[in-house]
Amino acid sequence: MTLIAFLSVAPVIEGSMSGEVAKAVAALEDFSVSYETTPMGTIIETDDPDELFAAAQAAHQAVDADRVETFLKIDDKRTVEQEASEKVDAVEEHLGHEARSDRE
């Protein structure tokens, strides 16, 4: 997969956004993309830019609110095949340990 994207879709509302965010994430399931949701957004991987943009649009439209903020950042490596996990592995290699702390 050559396209790795960070997508954040959120309603501008008071209180918990999790129900609406869940709608955005669920909308991704209708597309040929791999995804992993994090506390701050969702990482999406695909080899088709049209599929990526369609998935992001569907996620945006799935949120039911008067105001919705969507952020999409794309890393399009056109000459190298690289998965998101490989990017994390490279950072961890430099760190010498996992890219996370054990503190709670």
Protein backbone atom coordinates (compact mmCIF):
# COMPACT_ATOMS: atom_id res chain seq x y z
CA MET A 1 0.00 0.00 0.00
CA THR A 2 1.42 3.35 -0.92
CA LEU A 3 -1.11 5.79 0.51
CA ILE A 4 -1.08 6.27 4.27
CA ALA A 5 -3.49 8.85 5.63
CA PHE A 6 -4.50 10.35 8.94
CA LEU A 7 -8.21 11.17 9.12
CA SER A 8 -9.94 12.98 11.94
CA VAL A 9 -13.67 13.66 11.68
CA ALA A 10 -15.47 15.19 14.64
CA PRO A 11 -18.65 17.09 15.32
CA VAL A 12 -18.27 20.44 17.00
CA ILE A 13 -20.50 19.75 20.00
CA GLU A 14 -20.47 19.86 23.78
CA GLY A 15 -19.99 16.54 25.54
CA SER A 16 -18.90 13.20 24.16
CA MET A 17 -18.22 12.90 20.45
CA SER A 18 -17.70 9.13 20.50
CA GLY A 19 -21.09 8.19 19.05
CA GLU A 20 -20.63 10.46 16.04
CA VAL A 21 -16.98 9.46 15.61
CA ALA A 22 -18.14 5.83 15.58
CA LYS A 23 -20.43 6.68 12.66
CA ALA A 24 -17.47 8.12 10.74
CA VAL A 25 -15.33 5.06 11.43
CA ALA A 26 -18.16 2.69 10.48
CA ALA A 27 -18.50 4.48 7.12
CA LEU A 28 -14.94 3.39 6.25
CA GLU A 29 -16.04 -0.24 6.27
CA ASP A 30 -17.80 0.24 2.92
CA PHE A 31 -14.47 0.91 1.18
CA SER A 32 -11.36 -1.05 0.20
CA VAL A 33 -9.17 0.54 2.87
CA SER A 34 -7.42 -0.76 5.96
CA TYR A 35 -7.79 1.38 9.04
CA GLU A 36 -6.82 1.65 12.69
CA THR A 37 -8.52 4.09 15.03
CA THR A 38 -6.42 5.91 17.63
CA PRO A 39 -7.52 8.34 20.35
CA MET A 40 -6.82 11.31 18.06
CA GLY A 41 -7.86 10.02 14.63
CA THR A 42 -7.80 7.08 12.24
CA ILE A 43 -4.90 5.81 10.15
CA ILE A 44 -6.04 4.65 6.72
CA GLU A 45 -4.04 2.63 4.19
CA THR A 46 -4.92 1.98 0.55
CA ASP A 47 -3.31 1.85 -2.87
CA ASP A 48 -6.14 3.79 -4.55
CA PRO A 49 -6.37 7.56 -4.06
CA ASP A 50 -9.95 7.66 -5.34
CA GLU A 51 -10.94 5.07 -2.72
CA LEU A 52 -9.21 7.10 -0.01
CA PHE A 53 -10.99 10.33 -0.91
CA ALA A 54 -14.34 8.55 -1.23
CA ALA A 55 -13.87 6.90 2.19
CA ALA A 56 -12.91 10.24 3.79
CA GLN A 57 -15.95 11.91 2.22
CA ALA A 58 -18.25 9.14 3.48
CA ALA A 59 -16.80 9.43 6.98
CA HIS A 60 -17.32 13.19 6.92
CA GLN A 61 -20.91 12.86 5.73
CA ALA A 62 -21.72 10.14 8.29
CA VAL A 63 -21.39 12.59 11.19
CA ASP A 64 -24.74 14.15 12.07
CA ALA A 65 -24.07 17.60 13.50
CA ASP A 66 -24.61 21.24 12.65
CA ARG A 67 -20.85 21.63 12.32
CA VAL A 68 -18.23 18.99 11.45
CA GLU A 69 -14.46 19.40 11.35
CA THR A 70 -12.47 17.04 9.14
CA PHE A 71 -8.71 16.82 8.87
CA LEU A 72 -7.06 14.61 6.21
CA LYS A 73 -3.30 14.27 5.90
CA ILE A 74 -1.88 11.99 3.20
CA ASP A 75 1.56 10.46 2.72
CA ASP A 76 1.65 9.30 -0.91
CA LYS A 77 4.90 7.43 -1.52
CA ARG A 78 4.70 6.79 -5.22
CA THR A 79 7.97 4.93 -5.74
CA VAL A 80 8.14 2.92 -2.51
CA GLU A 81 5.73 0.38 -1.04
CA GLN A 82 5.51 1.02 2.71
CA GLU A 83 2.89 0.22 5.31
CA ALA A 84 2.13 2.44 8.29
CA SER A 85 3.54 -0.16 10.66
CA GLU A 86 6.89 0.00 8.87
CA LYS A 87 7.09 3.73 9.54
CA VAL A 88 6.57 3.08 13.26
CA ASP A 89 9.13 0.24 13.15
CA ALA A 90 11.73 2.65 11.71
CA VAL A 91 11.19 5.11 14.56
CA GLU A 92 11.39 2.32 17.13
CA GLU A 93 14.66 1.12 15.60
CA HIS A 94 16.17 4.55 16.24
CA LEU A 95 14.70 4.68 19.75
CA GLY A 96 15.88 1.20 20.65
CA HIS A 97 12.46 0.37 22.13
CA GLU A 98 8.74 0.61 21.42
CA ALA A 99 7.43 4.09 20.61
CA ARG A 100 5.33 4.25 23.74
CA SER A 101 5.87 4.69 27.44
CA ASP A 102 4.83 2.32 30.18
CA ARG A 103 3.63 5.20 32.38
CA GLU A 104 -0.03 5.48 33.16
